[in-house]
Amino acid sequence: MLKIFNFFASLRNREEGQTMAEYGVVLAVITIAVFAALTLLSGNISDALTRVAGYIT
């Protein structure tokens, strides 16, 4: 019985790091979010740059 308890205790305490696939998924989600934000804000960014260029000249 003690062996079974120790086995389950060792499973509970085992920690494993992230795999490369998980890092790839996180990177893909962040990339998609950045592109979506830039697409949605592209008109405002363009207008702001045009205004700044007008102030400089």
N, C-alpha and C. Protein backbone atom coordinates (compact mmCIF):
# COMPACT_ATOMS: atom_id res chain seq x y z
N MET A 1 0.83 -1.20 0.00
CA MET A 1 0.00 0.00 0.00
C MET A 1 0.87 1.26 0.00
N LEU A 2 1.97 1.20 0.73
CA LEU A 2 2.87 2.35 0.79
C LEU A 2 3.51 2.62 -0.56
N LYS A 3 3.79 1.57 -1.33
CA LYS A 3 4.37 1.75 -2.66
C LYS A 3 3.40 2.49 -3.58
N ILE A 4 2.14 2.16 -3.50
CA ILE A 4 1.12 2.82 -4.33
C ILE A 4 1.01 4.29 -3.94
N PHE A 5 1.00 4.56 -2.63
CA PHE A 5 0.93 5.94 -2.16
C PHE A 5 2.14 6.74 -2.64
N ASN A 6 3.32 6.16 -2.54
CA ASN A 6 4.53 6.84 -2.99
C ASN A 6 4.52 7.07 -4.50
N PHE A 7 3.96 6.12 -5.25
CA PHE A 7 3.87 6.27 -6.69
C PHE A 7 2.99 7.47 -7.05
N PHE A 8 1.82 7.57 -6.43
CA PHE A 8 0.92 8.68 -6.72
C PHE A 8 1.49 10.01 -6.22
N ALA A 9 2.21 9.98 -5.12
CA ALA A 9 2.85 11.19 -4.62
C ALA A 9 3.92 11.67 -5.59
N SER A 10 4.67 10.74 -6.18
CA SER A 10 5.70 11.13 -7.13
C SER A 10 5.09 11.68 -8.41
N LEU A 11 3.94 11.17 -8.83
CA LEU A 11 3.26 11.71 -10.01
C LEU A 11 2.78 13.14 -9.76
N ARG A 12 2.31 13.38 -8.56
CA ARG A 12 1.80 14.70 -8.21
C ARG A 12 2.93 15.73 -8.17
N ASN A 13 4.10 15.33 -7.74
CA ASN A 13 5.22 16.25 -7.59
C ASN A 13 6.04 16.43 -8.87
N ARG A 14 5.77 15.61 -9.87
CA ARG A 14 6.55 15.70 -11.11
C ARG A 14 6.16 16.95 -11.88
N GLU A 15 7.15 17.70 -12.27
CA GLU A 15 6.91 18.90 -13.06
C GLU A 15 7.67 18.76 -14.37
N GLU A 16 6.97 19.02 -15.45
CA GLU A 16 7.61 18.95 -16.76
C GLU A 16 7.47 20.30 -17.43
N GLY A 17 8.47 20.67 -18.19
CA GLY A 17 8.46 21.97 -18.85
C GLY A 17 7.61 21.98 -20.11
N GLN A 18 7.57 23.14 -20.70
CA GLN A 18 6.82 23.32 -21.94
C GLN A 18 7.55 22.60 -23.08
N THR A 19 6.78 22.07 -23.99
CA THR A 19 7.39 21.47 -25.17
C THR A 19 7.48 22.53 -26.26
N MET A 20 8.28 22.25 -27.26
CA MET A 20 8.44 23.20 -28.36
C MET A 20 7.13 23.43 -29.10
N ALA A 21 6.29 22.41 -29.16
CA ALA A 21 5.00 22.57 -29.83
C ALA A 21 4.13 23.58 -29.10
N GLU A 22 4.15 23.55 -27.79
CA GLU A 22 3.35 24.50 -27.02
C GLU A 22 3.87 25.91 -27.20
N TYR A 23 5.20 26.08 -27.23
CA TYR A 23 5.76 27.40 -27.49
C TYR A 23 5.37 27.88 -28.89
N GLY A 24 5.35 26.98 -29.85
CA GLY A 24 4.95 27.34 -31.20
C GLY A 24 3.51 27.80 -31.28
N VAL A 25 2.63 27.13 -30.55
CA VAL A 25 1.22 27.52 -30.54
C VAL A 25 1.05 28.89 -29.91
N VAL A 26 1.74 29.14 -28.81
CA VAL A 26 1.65 30.45 -28.15
C VAL A 26 2.17 31.54 -29.07
N LEU A 27 3.29 31.28 -29.74
CA LEU A 27 3.85 32.26 -30.67
C LEU A 27 2.90 32.53 -31.83
N ALA A 28 2.25 31.50 -32.33
CA ALA A 28 1.29 31.68 -33.43
C ALA A 28 0.09 32.52 -32.99
N VAL A 29 -0.41 32.28 -31.80
CA VAL A 29 -1.56 33.05 -31.30
C VAL A 29 -1.18 34.51 -31.11
N ILE A 30 0.00 34.76 -30.57
CA ILE A 30 0.45 36.14 -30.38
C ILE A 30 0.64 36.83 -31.72
N THR A 31 1.20 36.13 -32.69
CA THR A 31 1.41 36.70 -34.02
C THR A 31 0.09 37.06 -34.68
N ILE A 32 -0.88 36.17 -34.59
CA ILE A 32 -2.20 36.44 -35.17
C ILE A 32 -2.85 37.64 -34.49
N ALA A 33 -2.71 37.74 -33.18
CA ALA A 33 -3.30 38.87 -32.44
C ALA A 33 -2.66 40.19 -32.86
N VAL A 34 -1.34 40.20 -33.04
CA VAL A 34 -0.64 41.42 -33.44
C VAL A 34 -1.08 41.84 -34.85
N PHE A 35 -1.14 40.89 -35.78
CA PHE A 35 -1.57 41.23 -37.13
C PHE A 35 -3.02 41.71 -37.15
N ALA A 36 -3.88 41.11 -36.35
CA ALA A 36 -5.28 41.55 -36.29
C ALA A 36 -5.37 42.97 -35.74
N ALA A 37 -4.60 43.26 -34.71
CA ALA A 37 -4.62 44.61 -34.13
C ALA A 37 -4.09 45.64 -35.12
N LEU A 38 -3.01 45.30 -35.82
CA LEU A 38 -2.48 46.24 -36.82
C LEU A 38 -3.45 46.45 -37.97
N THR A 39 -4.15 45.41 -38.37
CA THR A 39 -5.13 45.54 -39.44
C THR A 39 -6.29 46.44 -39.01
N LEU A 40 -6.76 46.24 -37.79
CA LEU A 40 -7.87 47.06 -37.31
C LEU A 40 -7.47 48.52 -37.10
N LEU A 41 -6.23 48.75 -36.71
CA LEU A 41 -5.78 50.11 -36.40
C LEU A 41 -5.02 50.78 -37.54
N SER A 42 -4.93 50.13 -38.69
CA SER A 42 -4.09 50.65 -39.77
C SER A 42 -4.54 52.04 -40.24
N GLY A 43 -5.82 52.27 -40.31
CA GLY A 43 -6.31 53.59 -40.73
C GLY A 43 -5.92 54.67 -39.74
N ASN A 44 -6.08 54.40 -38.46
CA ASN A 44 -5.73 55.38 -37.44
C ASN A 44 -4.22 55.62 -37.39
N ILE A 45 -3.44 54.58 -37.58
CA ILE A 45 -1.98 54.73 -37.58
C ILE A 45 -1.56 55.59 -38.76
N SER A 46 -2.14 55.35 -39.91
CA SER A 46 -1.82 56.14 -41.10
C SER A 46 -2.18 57.60 -40.90
N ASP A 47 -3.34 57.87 -40.35
CA ASP A 47 -3.77 59.25 -40.09
C ASP A 47 -2.83 59.93 -39.10
N ALA A 48 -2.42 59.23 -38.06
CA ALA A 48 -1.53 59.81 -37.06
C ALA A 48 -0.18 60.15 -37.68
N LEU A 49 0.35 59.26 -38.52
CA LEU A 49 1.63 59.54 -39.16
C LEU A 49 1.53 60.71 -40.13
N THR A 50 0.42 60.83 -40.81
CA THR A 50 0.21 61.95 -41.72
C THR A 50 0.15 63.26 -40.94
N ARG A 51 -0.54 63.25 -39.80
CA ARG A 51 -0.61 64.45 -38.95
C ARG A 51 0.76 64.85 -38.43
N VAL A 52 1.53 63.90 -37.98
CA VAL A 52 2.88 64.18 -37.48
C VAL A 52 3.74 64.73 -38.59
N ALA A 53 3.65 64.15 -39.78
CA ALA A 53 4.42 64.66 -40.91
C ALA A 53 4.01 66.09 -41.25
N GLY A 54 2.74 66.41 -41.09
CA GLY A 54 2.27 67.78 -41.34
C GLY A 54 2.82 68.75 -40.33
N TYR A 55 2.97 68.33 -39.08
CA TYR A 55 3.52 69.20 -38.05
C TYR A 55 5.01 69.45 -38.26
N ILE A 56 5.69 68.47 -38.81
CA ILE A 56 7.15 68.59 -38.99
C ILE A 56 7.48 69.56 -40.12
N THR A 57 6.70 69.55 -41.19
CA THR A 57 7.02 70.40 -42.35
C THR A 57 6.53 71.81 -42.18
